[in-house]
Amino acid sequence: MLLISGKMRFFLVLALVFTLTSSVWAENTGLDAAFSLQKAFIDVAKRLKPSVVNIRVEKKAEGSIRWATPDGDSNGGVEEFFRKFFRAPGFKIPEEELKTQAAGSGVIIDREGIILTNNHVVKNATAITVKLQDETELPATIIGQDPQTDLAVIRIKPEKPLVAAQFADSEKVEVGQWCIAVGNPLGLEQTVTVGVVSALGRSGIGATAIEDFIQTDASINPGNSGGPLVDLNGRVIGINTLIFNAPGSGIGFAIPSTMASRIARQIIKSGKVQRPYLGITMQQVSKELAEHFGLDDREGAVVIQLAENSPAQKFDLKPMDIIRAIDGKKMKNTNEVQKYVLSKEIGDEIKLDLLRNGEKKTIKIKLERMPDTYGLASNEIIDSPALPEAKGEVEKLGFRVQELTSDTARSMGLNNVEGVLVTSVKNGSAADKGGLVTGDVISQVNGRKVKTEAELIEAIKKGAKNNSSVFVVQRSGSPMFLVIAHGKD
């Protein structure tokens, strides 16, 4: 029989009381944390509502295609994105002009009535009406627009000072932090949705010329465009812009507050935005390309296309150059290249460290002002014609080509594109495995421009490295590169 002394009994009772107390304390602490977070959401909603407005727009709409900007606007870049990647058919409105109405959101950035919103919300507007939290409706005028980032600034004349939102430094935003989207989705005014920051620095979506999006799972529904994405302190970290999937169920994207506020200041000051540019289309360094050039890493940005009369073209940058560093600073990806260039001033000279056909090279480029129409996509969808049988054949790699005539290029919507047209690709061939498809236009192979099948064969024979070749192709109007291995047919 186990005998327990009075002293031991005291300590056992004390331990039991401590265990029970700890359990209750832990339960209450968990509830306290939940209620504290709930109160934060409530406080943010109350604080932001006076600074968020509903924007109603009347437009003259011509034949266009409606895609997935949150308010249903036919943003050309988004339409192009969905067309290229999903090959979805578009619905065309009759060509005659129609009056349409659209709705979006905006955030007050100055108590005197200056409002920041998306450009696609007010684009082509013939009349703009802003509704404030107190139901006051006022006409608005556009101060300036920036299609490259999809931002615009409008102005109203309120009878009394408004409540301006506070902006946070989006450079300090972290993946995983709470965020709240505020706006007027689906016509329901002053609505908040909660989520987290899913990713930062998202680009390559094809929605705008300049992309550096904050990605979030906070619901961004139709009508949320132009509204703020805020942190738990109620400070703006982004401007809600578009959704990737069906309304209410997809990933949302917001323009970072640091970029948005910088653009807004320029528009307020001069009515327009002036920024430097290189004039290039870029892609990430793929595993295949790294192996082709024997790289130890996949850092840098691959130059795919040069804009006509751009600084990049004038100072001898070439397609398939890999930008590894600028002014001695390593560039890990396309986003870092874009951010660095945009941080400079028009007229600044930058030094690019490149890999060109596997060889190191350094060039200097003087930055120029980005044209107002740079990077803006066309809204027109052109059906590809039936492709005639090719006469020539690159047998070893398993595909056929023919010369790209001006008529064929025009019918495919390819302006100022030179190369050879891929008319067939053999299943299971090296070309097929490398991703080449019928309808691609090959403009360059291994750093050499090709306009004929003979030039194509010559470029493959003389430029191959590590038993593979790098092709630059135009697909559905967009440039891309492919690495095709030799001898695997």
Foldseek 3Di string as FASTA:
>chain_A
DDDDDPVNVVVVVVVVVVVVVVVVVVVVVVVVVVVVLVVLVVVLLVQFQQFKKKKKFKAWDFWFFFDWKQQRFRQQQLLLLCCQPVVDDTDTDHGDIDIDMTMAMWGAAFQQFKTKFFQSNHPRTPWMWIQGSVRDIFTKDWLAHAQQLRMTMIGTGDPGGTDGAAADQLVPFDFFAKKKQFWQAPNNHGDIFIWTFHDWQDDPSRRHNDDTWGKIPGFRHNRSGHTFIGHSVNHGQFGWIGFDDPHPGTITITHGPVVRVVQVVVCVVPVHDWFWDQAFDWFWQDPLNCVQLVHPDRFFIFTQDGDPPGQCVVFDPAGRKTFQDKQPHGGRYPSSVSVVRRVDHQQDKIKTWIQQLNRTDITITHIHIDDSCPSRHDRDQADQDQDDDADDDPPFQFWGWAACDPVNCVNLVNPPAAAIFTQQGDPQGLCVVQPDHHGKGWQDKLRHGHRGVVVVVVSCVPRGGPQWMKTWIARSNDIDITIGGTRRD
